[in-house]
Amino acid sequence: MIRLTLPLLALLMLAACETVKGAGRDLQSAGAAISTEAAEAQSSM
């Protein structure tokens, strides 16, 4: 049973890591877009 559980647990941990990594990229892109819009709004004042 342990021979089956450990590889499955490792696979789930790897999948979770990739999901968090993708979420981090999305947040970084959103932050860059907000910064760009803020800079444009500030320069037009």
N, C-alpha and C. Protein backbone atom coordinates (compact mmCIF):
# COMPACT_ATOMS: atom_id res chain seq x y z
N MET A 1 0.82 -1.20 0.00
CA MET A 1 0.00 0.00 0.00
C MET A 1 0.87 1.26 0.00
N ILE A 2 1.94 1.24 0.77
CA ILE A 2 2.80 2.41 0.85
C ILE A 2 3.52 2.65 -0.48
N ARG A 3 3.78 1.59 -1.22
CA ARG A 3 4.45 1.73 -2.52
C ARG A 3 3.56 2.47 -3.51
N LEU A 4 2.28 2.39 -3.33
CA LEU A 4 1.35 3.09 -4.21
C LEU A 4 1.07 4.50 -3.71
N THR A 5 1.04 4.67 -2.41
CA THR A 5 0.68 5.96 -1.81
C THR A 5 1.74 7.03 -2.02
N LEU A 6 2.99 6.68 -1.82
CA LEU A 6 4.06 7.67 -1.93
C LEU A 6 4.18 8.27 -3.34
N PRO A 7 4.18 7.48 -4.39
CA PRO A 7 4.24 8.10 -5.73
C PRO A 7 3.02 8.97 -6.04
N LEU A 8 1.85 8.54 -5.59
CA LEU A 8 0.66 9.36 -5.82
C LEU A 8 0.74 10.68 -5.06
N LEU A 9 1.23 10.63 -3.85
CA LEU A 9 1.40 11.85 -3.06
C LEU A 9 2.40 12.78 -3.72
N ALA A 10 3.49 12.24 -4.22
CA ALA A 10 4.50 13.06 -4.90
C ALA A 10 3.92 13.69 -6.17
N LEU A 11 3.11 12.96 -6.89
CA LEU A 11 2.47 13.48 -8.10
C LEU A 11 1.51 14.62 -7.77
N LEU A 12 0.75 14.46 -6.72
CA LEU A 12 -0.18 15.52 -6.30
C LEU A 12 0.57 16.78 -5.87
N MET A 13 1.67 16.60 -5.17
CA MET A 13 2.47 17.75 -4.74
C MET A 13 3.05 18.48 -5.94
N LEU A 14 3.49 17.75 -6.94
CA LEU A 14 4.04 18.36 -8.14
C LEU A 14 2.97 19.13 -8.90
N ALA A 15 1.78 18.56 -9.00
CA ALA A 15 0.67 19.24 -9.68
C ALA A 15 0.29 20.52 -8.94
N ALA A 16 0.28 20.49 -7.63
CA ALA A 16 -0.06 21.68 -6.85
C ALA A 16 1.00 22.76 -7.05
N CYS A 17 2.24 22.36 -7.14
CA CYS A 17 3.33 23.31 -7.35
C CYS A 17 3.16 24.01 -8.70
N GLU A 18 2.83 23.27 -9.72
CA GLU A 18 2.62 23.86 -11.04
C GLU A 18 1.42 24.80 -11.04
N THR A 19 0.38 24.47 -10.29
CA THR A 19 -0.80 25.33 -10.22
C THR A 19 -0.45 26.65 -9.55
N VAL A 20 0.29 26.61 -8.48
CA VAL A 20 0.69 27.83 -7.77
C VAL A 20 1.61 28.66 -8.66
N LYS A 21 2.47 28.00 -9.39
CA LYS A 21 3.38 28.70 -10.29
C LYS A 21 2.60 29.45 -11.37
N GLY A 22 1.57 28.82 -11.92
CA GLY A 22 0.74 29.46 -12.92
C GLY A 22 -0.05 30.63 -12.34
N ALA A 23 -0.54 30.48 -11.13
CA ALA A 23 -1.26 31.56 -10.47
C ALA A 23 -0.33 32.75 -10.23
N GLY A 24 0.90 32.46 -9.89
CA GLY A 24 1.88 33.53 -9.69
C GLY A 24 2.14 34.30 -10.96
N ARG A 25 2.21 33.60 -12.07
CA ARG A 25 2.40 34.27 -13.36
C ARG A 25 1.20 35.14 -13.70
N ASP A 26 0.00 34.65 -13.43
CA ASP A 26 -1.20 35.43 -13.70
C ASP A 26 -1.23 36.71 -12.87
N LEU A 27 -0.88 36.59 -11.59
CA LEU A 27 -0.86 37.77 -10.72
C LEU A 27 0.20 38.76 -11.17
N GLN A 28 1.32 38.26 -11.62
CA GLN A 28 2.38 39.14 -12.10
C GLN A 28 1.93 39.90 -13.34
N SER A 29 1.24 39.23 -14.24
CA SER A 29 0.73 39.89 -15.44
C SER A 29 -0.31 40.94 -15.09
N ALA A 30 -1.19 40.62 -14.15
CA ALA A 30 -2.21 41.58 -13.73
C ALA A 30 -1.55 42.80 -13.09
N GLY A 31 -0.54 42.60 -12.28
CA GLY A 31 0.16 43.71 -11.66
C GLY A 31 0.84 44.60 -12.67
N ALA A 32 1.42 44.00 -13.69
CA ALA A 32 2.07 44.78 -14.75
C ALA A 32 1.05 45.62 -15.51
N ALA A 33 -0.12 45.04 -15.78
CA ALA A 33 -1.18 45.78 -16.49
C ALA A 33 -1.68 46.95 -15.65
N ILE A 34 -1.84 46.74 -14.35
CA ILE A 34 -2.29 47.82 -13.47
C ILE A 34 -1.24 48.92 -13.40
N SER A 35 0.02 48.55 -13.33
CA SER A 35 1.10 49.55 -13.28
C SER A 35 1.13 50.38 -14.56
N THR A 36 0.95 49.74 -15.68
CA THR A 36 0.94 50.44 -16.96
C THR A 36 -0.22 51.42 -17.03
N GLU A 37 -1.41 50.97 -16.66
CA GLU A 37 -2.58 51.85 -16.68
C GLU A 37 -2.41 53.02 -15.72
N ALA A 38 -1.85 52.78 -14.55
CA ALA A 38 -1.63 53.85 -13.58
C ALA A 38 -0.64 54.88 -14.12
N ALA A 39 0.42 54.41 -14.76
CA ALA A 39 1.40 55.32 -15.33
C ALA A 39 0.78 56.16 -16.45
N GLU A 40 -0.05 55.55 -17.27
CA GLU A 40 -0.71 56.29 -18.35
C GLU A 40 -1.68 57.32 -17.79
N ALA A 41 -2.44 56.95 -16.77
CA ALA A 41 -3.38 57.88 -16.16
C ALA A 41 -2.64 59.05 -15.50
N GLN A 42 -1.53 58.76 -14.86
CA GLN A 42 -0.76 59.81 -14.20
C GLN A 42 -0.13 60.75 -15.20
N SER A 43 0.33 60.23 -16.32
CA SER A 43 0.98 61.09 -17.31
C SER A 43 -0.03 61.96 -18.05
N SER A 44 -1.28 61.56 -18.08
CA SER A 44 -2.30 62.36 -18.78
C SER A 44 -2.90 63.43 -17.90
N MET A 45 -2.50 63.50 -16.63
CA MET A 45 -3.05 64.52 -15.73
C MET A 45 -2.34 65.83 -15.88
